[in-house]
Amino acid sequence: MAAAAPASQLVHGQPAPSIVAHGGDLSGLRAAPGAYAGDWLDLSTGINPFPWPLPDLPAEAWTRLPGADGMAALLDAARQAYGVPAAAGIVAAPGTQAIIQLLPFLFPTSRIAILGPTYAEHAHVWRQAGHDVREIDGVPGSLKDIDVLLTVNPNNPDGRALGLPLLHRWHAELSSRGGWLILDEAFADVAPEVSLCAQAGTPGLVILRSFGKFFGLAGLRLGFMLAPAEMTGTVSVAQGPWAVSGPALEIGAAALKDAAWQAQMRDELRMRSRRFDQGMRERGIHVLGGTALFRLAKVSDAAGFAQALRGQGIHVRIFEKQPQWMRFGLPVDEAEFWRRLDLVLQDFRL
């Protein structure tokens, strides 16, 4: 079965570069002929547009190499914030994408099932590493032919959330025969009730947590992997020294300890996402679901609608395999978003 690699080595070679398209980059849109000339509303990611307030950092956070004490403080703050048992392995990385790139190389060639449609990098990196990858639309009826089951919970882009009883059942079945359940909890900060972090460290379970999305600091590049200590040790060795920058250590630890801000922000995002849904309904646009950080809408021609939105400086995420889907991040200036959207709807037939 899919046993983890020893901490001194990876099973396969080195990760392949990504070719998956992502949101969040306005460079090409701004440079296109006839592009919108004003300020763009970039709603193409699920990153919180209301970031945790950055503190003044001590100069040594920038001038000295990151220290072991700073890493220890960060990991302790992450354990407390996510409810991770003291015995569980935990490792920080420069973003969860860095861990996603490494994960397939921690296992021998395996039969992996990925619950989709979801974040495309997962299937891409496992295929590139030579694994037998199946993308399952929905929930699998049986796990008997699966060595590794991977799901994003809550899911990107539709917000599907799997309950703890089902996750516990899957984990028990897989781990009983040497298999693994991998949970990407990148958006679980807004729905902590779906998290399995309290079980972190048990055999056969890997959990990924993203810092930048909920705290609105994606440029900081910080994420965590929770797993048995041998596996997190493998990742730590593979990353080498100083994988996480000094500023990321300082800011990450402080933000993760700020429970009051986190509670207030969850309430704020939920309120705004409800307002967003109501505004879309009033304009005849059907919202399929999502999380408090992004909303998934359905229109007959998502690509055409996205192009029309770009004419008013609104950038959203569309999906080649789901041509009626489009994902909206939450706008900071709601009034300006609705003003521009209404201009588009004057000419575009849904």
Protein backbone atom coordinates (compact mmCIF):
# COMPACT_ATOMS: atom_id res chain seq x y z
CA MET A 1 0.00 0.00 0.00
CA ALA A 2 0.95 3.67 0.01
CA ALA A 3 3.45 3.83 2.86
CA ALA A 4 5.15 7.17 3.50
CA ALA A 5 8.74 7.71 2.46
CA PRO A 6 11.44 7.84 5.14
CA ALA A 7 12.43 11.31 6.24
CA SER A 8 15.74 11.14 4.39
CA GLN A 9 14.38 10.83 0.87
CA LEU A 10 11.52 11.20 -1.56
CA VAL A 11 10.16 8.20 -3.44
CA HIS A 12 10.26 9.72 -6.91
CA GLY A 13 12.24 12.50 -8.58
CA GLN A 14 11.59 16.22 -8.42
CA PRO A 15 8.22 17.95 -8.90
CA ALA A 16 7.33 19.10 -12.40
CA PRO A 17 6.44 22.75 -13.05
CA SER A 18 2.77 23.69 -13.08
CA ILE A 19 0.88 24.42 -16.29
CA VAL A 20 -2.47 24.99 -14.59
CA ALA A 21 -4.11 28.38 -15.13
CA HIS A 22 -4.88 30.39 -12.01
CA GLY A 23 -6.63 33.62 -11.11
CA GLY A 24 -5.10 36.64 -9.48
CA ASP A 25 -2.86 37.92 -12.29
CA LEU A 26 -4.08 41.03 -14.10
CA SER A 27 -0.91 41.58 -16.13
CA GLY A 28 -2.17 40.10 -19.39
CA LEU A 29 -5.60 41.69 -19.10
CA ARG A 30 -4.22 45.16 -18.52
CA ALA A 31 -1.84 44.81 -21.47
CA ALA A 32 -4.47 43.58 -23.93
CA PRO A 33 -5.54 45.93 -26.76
CA GLY A 34 -8.54 47.99 -25.72
CA ALA A 35 -8.26 46.86 -22.09
CA TYR A 36 -10.20 48.62 -19.35
CA ALA A 37 -8.15 51.66 -18.40
CA GLY A 38 -9.33 52.23 -14.83
CA ASP A 39 -8.89 50.37 -11.57
CA TRP A 40 -9.72 46.70 -11.92
CA LEU A 41 -11.85 44.71 -9.51
CA ASP A 42 -9.97 41.42 -9.28
CA LEU A 43 -12.51 38.86 -8.08
CA SER A 44 -10.70 35.90 -9.65
CA THR A 45 -9.37 34.38 -6.41
CA GLY A 46 -10.77 33.15 -3.12
CA ILE A 47 -8.44 35.35 -1.09
CA ASN A 48 -9.93 37.49 1.67
CA PRO A 49 -10.02 41.10 0.39
CA PHE A 50 -9.93 42.36 3.99
CA PRO A 51 -6.47 41.33 5.21
CA TRP A 52 -5.27 40.99 8.75
CA PRO A 53 -3.64 44.36 9.63
CA LEU A 54 0.11 44.12 9.17
CA PRO A 55 2.23 45.16 12.16
CA ASP A 56 5.56 46.92 12.15
CA LEU A 57 8.21 44.21 12.12
CA PRO A 58 11.55 44.32 13.89
CA ALA A 59 14.42 44.99 11.50
CA GLU A 60 15.98 41.60 12.24
CA ALA A 61 12.96 39.86 10.70
CA TRP A 62 14.30 41.19 7.39
CA THR A 63 18.02 41.21 8.03
CA ARG A 64 18.67 37.90 9.83
CA LEU A 65 18.14 34.36 8.65
CA PRO A 66 14.93 32.87 10.09
CA GLY A 67 15.67 31.28 13.47
CA ALA A 68 14.52 28.08 15.12
CA ASP A 69 12.78 30.05 17.86
CA GLY A 70 10.68 31.92 15.30
CA MET A 71 9.68 28.66 13.61
CA ALA A 72 8.79 27.10 16.96
CA ALA A 73 6.57 30.09 17.82
CA LEU A 74 4.83 29.88 14.45
CA LEU A 75 4.15 26.15 14.72
CA ASP A 76 2.88 26.52 18.29
CA ALA A 77 0.49 29.28 17.16
CA ALA A 78 -0.72 27.09 14.29
CA ARG A 79 -1.34 24.16 16.64
CA GLN A 80 -3.42 26.35 18.91
CA ALA A 81 -5.36 28.03 16.10
CA TYR A 82 -6.18 24.81 14.25
CA GLY A 83 -6.66 22.59 17.31
CA VAL A 84 -3.80 20.24 16.41
CA PRO A 85 -2.80 17.59 19.00
CA ALA A 86 0.62 18.07 20.57
CA ALA A 87 1.87 14.73 19.25
CA ALA A 88 0.95 15.42 15.61
CA GLY A 89 3.61 16.29 13.08
CA ILE A 90 3.41 19.80 11.65
CA VAL A 91 5.58 21.54 9.09
CA ALA A 92 5.37 25.05 7.64
CA ALA A 93 6.08 25.83 4.01
CA PRO A 94 6.12 28.86 1.69
CA GLY A 95 2.47 28.31 0.80
CA THR A 96 0.42 25.11 0.62
CA GLN A 97 1.15 24.96 -3.09
CA ALA A 98 4.74 24.06 -2.22
CA ILE A 99 3.46 21.11 -0.18
CA ILE A 100 1.02 20.09 -2.91
CA GLN A 101 3.98 19.89 -5.30
CA LEU A 102 5.85 17.57 -2.92
CA LEU A 103 3.01 15.33 -1.75
CA PRO A 104 2.95 12.86 -4.68
CA PHE A 105 6.65 12.16 -4.14
CA LEU A 106 6.04 10.96 -0.60
CA PHE A 107 4.25 7.83 -1.81
CA PRO A 108 5.09 4.88 -4.02
CA THR A 109 3.03 4.68 -7.21
CA SER A 110 -0.57 4.54 -5.98
CA ARG A 111 -4.18 4.52 -7.09
CA ILE A 112 -5.39 7.96 -6.09
CA ALA A 113 -8.95 9.24 -6.27
CA ILE A 114 -9.59 12.98 -6.21
CA LEU A 115 -13.07 14.30 -5.50
CA GLY A 116 -13.87 16.82 -8.19
CA PRO A 117 -14.39 19.15 -9.78
CA THR A 118 -11.78 20.83 -7.61
CA TYR A 119 -8.46 22.66 -7.51
CA ALA A 120 -6.74 21.43 -10.66
CA GLU A 121 -3.19 21.41 -9.27
CA HIS A 122 -3.92 18.28 -7.24
CA ALA A 123 -4.62 15.98 -10.19
CA HIS A 124 -1.88 17.62 -12.24
CA VAL A 125 0.96 17.03 -9.78
CA TRP A 126 -0.06 13.43 -8.97
CA ARG A 127 -0.26 12.56 -12.67
CA GLN A 128 3.10 14.19 -13.34
CA ALA A 129 4.60 12.00 -10.62
CA GLY A 130 3.34 8.84 -12.33
CA HIS A 131 0.41 7.88 -10.10
CA ASP A 132 -2.84 6.31 -11.34
CA VAL A 133 -5.24 9.24 -10.88
CA ARG A 134 -9.02 9.10 -11.03
CA GLU A 135 -11.10 12.24 -10.71
CA ILE A 136 -14.49 11.40 -9.19
CA ASP A 137 -17.46 13.68 -9.68
CA GLY A 138 -19.05 13.66 -6.25
CA VAL A 139 -18.67 11.12 -3.46
CA PRO A 140 -17.26 7.65 -4.20
CA GLY A 141 -19.52 4.69 -3.60
CA SER A 142 -16.61 2.44 -2.63
CA LEU A 143 -12.98 2.87 -1.58
CA LYS A 144 -11.90 -0.70 -2.33
CA ASP A 145 -9.73 0.21 -5.35
CA ILE A 146 -8.28 3.38 -3.80
CA ASP A 147 -4.95 3.75 -2.02
CA VAL A 148 -5.10 7.52 -1.54
CA LEU A 149 -8.28 9.59 -1.41
CA LEU A 150 -7.88 13.36 -1.74
CA THR A 151 -10.58 15.94 -1.20
CA VAL A 152 -10.68 19.70 -0.75
CA ASN A 153 -12.98 20.46 2.18
CA PRO A 154 -14.75 22.89 1.84
CA ASN A 155 -14.32 22.41 -1.88
CA ASN A 156 -13.08 24.91 -4.42
CA PRO A 157 -15.01 26.10 -6.44
CA ASP A 158 -18.46 24.88 -5.36
CA GLY A 159 -18.09 25.02 -1.57
CA ARG A 160 -19.12 21.38 -1.06
CA ALA A 161 -18.46 20.45 2.57
CA LEU A 162 -18.17 16.86 3.74
CA GLY A 163 -19.28 16.06 7.27
CA LEU A 164 -17.00 14.67 9.96
CA PRO A 165 -18.78 11.28 10.23
CA LEU A 166 -18.11 10.53 6.55
CA LEU A 167 -14.49 11.69 6.79
CA HIS A 168 -13.93 9.58 9.90
CA ARG A 169 -15.38 6.55 8.13
CA TRP A 170 -13.19 7.04 5.07
CA HIS A 171 -10.09 7.56 7.18
CA ALA A 172 -10.76 4.44 9.24
CA GLU A 173 -11.28 2.27 6.16
CA LEU A 174 -8.24 3.56 4.29
CA SER A 175 -5.83 3.56 7.22
CA SER A 176 -6.87 0.02 8.24
CA ARG A 177 -5.21 -1.28 5.07
CA GLY A 178 -2.33 1.17 4.82
CA GLY A 179 -4.15 3.76 2.71
CA TRP A 180 -4.32 7.52 3.15
CA LEU A 181 -6.91 10.28 3.34
CA ILE A 182 -5.59 13.68 2.25
CA LEU A 183 -7.65 16.73 3.16
CA ASP A 184 -6.93 20.13 1.66
CA GLU A 185 -8.55 22.47 4.18
CA ALA A 186 -7.47 25.66 2.43
CA PHE A 187 -10.84 27.28 3.09
CA ALA A 188 -11.69 25.67 6.43
CA ASP A 189 -10.92 28.85 8.39
CA VAL A 190 -14.38 30.14 7.42
CA ALA A 191 -15.98 26.78 8.29
CA PRO A 192 -13.96 25.32 11.19
CA GLU A 193 -16.74 22.84 11.95
CA VAL A 194 -15.71 20.72 8.93
CA SER A 195 -12.03 20.45 9.93
CA LEU A 196 -10.42 17.15 10.92
CA CYS A 197 -7.43 18.87 12.53
CA ALA A 198 -8.30 17.36 15.92
CA GLN A 199 -7.33 13.97 14.43
CA ALA A 200 -4.08 15.20 12.90
CA GLY A 201 -1.07 12.95 13.41
CA THR A 202 -3.00 9.68 13.25
CA PRO A 203 -1.79 7.10 10.69
CA GLY A 204 -3.16 7.51 7.19
CA LEU A 205 -4.21 11.17 7.50
CA VAL A 206 -2.67 14.27 5.88
CA ILE A 207 -4.18 17.75 6.28
CA LEU A 208 -3.15 20.92 4.47
CA ARG A 209 -3.92 24.36 5.87
CA SER A 210 -3.49 27.63 3.98
CA PHE A 211 -2.62 30.82 5.84
CA GLY A 212 -2.87 33.42 3.07
CA LYS A 213 -6.46 32.87 1.93
CA PHE A 214 -8.36 33.62 5.14
CA PHE A 215 -5.89 36.17 6.47
CA GLY A 216 -5.80 37.91 3.08
CA LEU A 217 -2.00 37.76 2.87
CA ALA A 218 -1.41 35.40 -0.05
CA GLY A 219 1.77 37.23 -1.03
CA LEU A 220 3.35 36.24 2.28
CA ARG A 221 3.43 32.59 1.07
CA LEU A 222 2.71 30.48 4.13
CA GLY A 223 0.97 27.15 4.66
CA PHE A 224 1.07 24.06 6.85
CA MET A 225 0.97 20.30 6.56
CA LEU A 226 -0.32 18.16 9.44
CA ALA A 227 0.53 14.46 9.34
CA PRO A 228 2.39 11.71 11.20
CA ALA A 229 5.76 13.05 12.34
CA GLU A 230 7.75 10.85 9.95
CA MET A 231 5.97 12.38 6.95
CA THR A 232 6.30 15.98 8.12
CA GLY A 233 9.96 15.23 8.75
CA THR A 234 10.30 14.12 5.14
CA VAL A 235 8.84 17.42 3.94
CA SER A 236 11.05 19.43 6.30
CA VAL A 237 14.18 17.71 4.97
CA ALA A 238 13.04 18.11 1.34
CA GLN A 239 12.46 21.85 1.78
CA GLY A 240 15.87 22.49 3.26
CA PRO A 241 16.74 25.26 5.71
CA TRP A 242 14.95 28.62 5.85
CA ALA A 243 11.98 27.58 3.72
CA VAL A 244 9.77 30.13 5.51
CA SER A 245 10.92 33.75 5.59
CA GLY A 246 11.50 35.75 8.76
CA PRO A 247 8.59 38.13 8.06
CA ALA A 248 6.29 35.16 7.45
CA LEU A 249 7.31 33.63 10.79
CA GLU A 250 6.56 36.87 12.65
CA ILE A 251 3.31 37.76 10.89
CA GLY A 252 2.01 34.20 10.78
CA ALA A 253 2.46 33.64 14.51
CA ALA A 254 0.86 36.96 15.45
CA ALA A 255 -2.14 36.55 13.13
CA LEU A 256 -2.81 32.96 14.17
CA LYS A 257 -2.91 34.08 17.81
CA ASP A 258 -5.42 36.85 17.05
CA ALA A 259 -8.59 34.87 17.83
CA ALA A 260 -10.73 38.00 18.16
CA TRP A 261 -9.92 39.18 14.64
CA GLN A 262 -10.60 35.70 13.27
CA ALA A 263 -14.03 35.47 14.89
CA GLN A 264 -14.99 38.96 13.74
CA MET A 265 -13.78 38.26 10.21
CA ARG A 266 -15.76 35.03 9.92
CA ASP A 267 -18.92 36.96 10.79
CA GLU A 268 -18.06 39.76 8.35
CA LEU A 269 -17.40 37.40 5.45
CA ARG A 270 -20.57 35.41 6.06
CA MET A 271 -22.61 38.62 6.10
CA ARG A 272 -21.01 39.87 2.89
CA SER A 273 -21.44 36.55 1.10
CA ARG A 274 -25.16 36.56 1.97
CA ARG A 275 -25.47 40.11 0.62
CA PHE A 276 -23.65 39.06 -2.53
CA ASP A 277 -26.04 36.15 -3.12
CA GLN A 278 -29.05 38.39 -2.61
CA GLY A 279 -27.73 40.95 -5.09
CA MET A 280 -27.08 38.25 -7.69
CA ARG A 281 -30.59 36.82 -7.24
CA GLU A 282 -32.09 40.28 -7.76
CA ARG A 283 -30.29 40.41 -11.10
CA GLY A 284 -31.38 36.96 -12.23
CA ILE A 285 -28.03 35.25 -11.67
CA HIS A 286 -28.16 31.84 -9.99
CA VAL A 287 -25.59 31.21 -7.24
CA LEU A 288 -24.79 27.50 -6.93
CA GLY A 289 -22.83 27.72 -3.70
CA GLY A 290 -19.33 28.47 -2.50
CA THR A 291 -17.75 29.48 0.78
CA ALA A 292 -17.75 32.77 2.66
CA LEU A 293 -14.66 33.71 0.62
CA PHE A 294 -16.02 33.04 -2.88
CA ARG A 295 -19.32 32.35 -4.64
CA LEU A 296 -19.97 30.10 -7.62
CA ALA A 297 -22.56 31.27 -10.14
CA LYS A 298 -24.15 29.58 -13.14
CA VAL A 299 -24.83 31.35 -16.42
CA SER A 300 -25.45 29.96 -19.89
CA ASP A 301 -22.26 31.43 -21.37
CA ALA A 302 -19.71 31.97 -18.61
CA ALA A 303 -16.86 32.76 -21.01
CA GLY A 304 -18.91 35.39 -22.82
CA PHE A 305 -20.13 36.91 -19.59
CA ALA A 306 -16.60 37.00 -18.18
CA GLN A 307 -15.44 38.80 -21.32
CA ALA A 308 -18.22 41.35 -20.91
CA LEU A 309 -17.27 41.85 -17.27
CA ARG A 310 -13.67 42.49 -18.28
CA GLY A 311 -14.99 45.35 -20.39
CA GLN A 312 -15.95 47.00 -17.09
CA GLY A 313 -12.72 46.02 -15.33
CA ILE A 314 -14.10 43.01 -13.42
CA HIS A 315 -11.97 39.86 -13.50
CA VAL A 316 -13.60 36.58 -12.45
CA ARG A 317 -12.65 32.90 -12.67
CA ILE A 318 -14.13 30.63 -15.33
CA PHE A 319 -13.62 26.90 -15.88
CA GLU A 320 -12.93 25.17 -19.17
CA LYS A 321 -14.56 21.89 -18.12
CA GLN A 322 -17.62 23.61 -16.62
CA PRO A 323 -18.55 26.20 -19.27
CA GLN A 324 -21.53 27.50 -17.28
CA TRP A 325 -19.60 28.13 -14.06
CA MET A 326 -17.97 31.34 -12.93
CA ARG A 327 -16.49 32.04 -9.52
CA PHE A 328 -16.59 35.45 -7.85
CA GLY A 329 -14.43 36.56 -4.97
CA LEU A 330 -16.02 39.07 -2.61
CA PRO A 331 -15.71 42.72 -3.71
CA VAL A 332 -14.30 45.25 -1.28
CA ASP A 333 -16.39 48.08 -2.74
CA GLU A 334 -19.80 46.46 -3.11
CA ALA A 335 -21.50 49.57 -4.52
CA GLU A 336 -18.89 49.91 -7.27
CA PHE A 337 -19.16 46.23 -8.15
CA TRP A 338 -22.95 46.40 -8.52
CA ARG A 339 -22.67 49.61 -10.55
CA ARG A 340 -20.31 48.00 -13.04
CA LEU A 341 -22.24 44.73 -13.14
CA ASP A 342 -25.45 46.60 -13.91
CA LEU A 343 -23.72 48.34 -16.82
CA VAL A 344 -22.74 44.94 -18.21
CA LEU A 345 -26.25 43.56 -17.78
CA GLN A 346 -27.69 46.42 -19.87
CA ASP A 347 -26.16 44.80 -22.94
CA PHE A 348 -25.45 41.16 -22.04
CA ARG A 349 -28.28 38.62 -22.14
CA LEU A 350 -27.88 35.95 -19.49
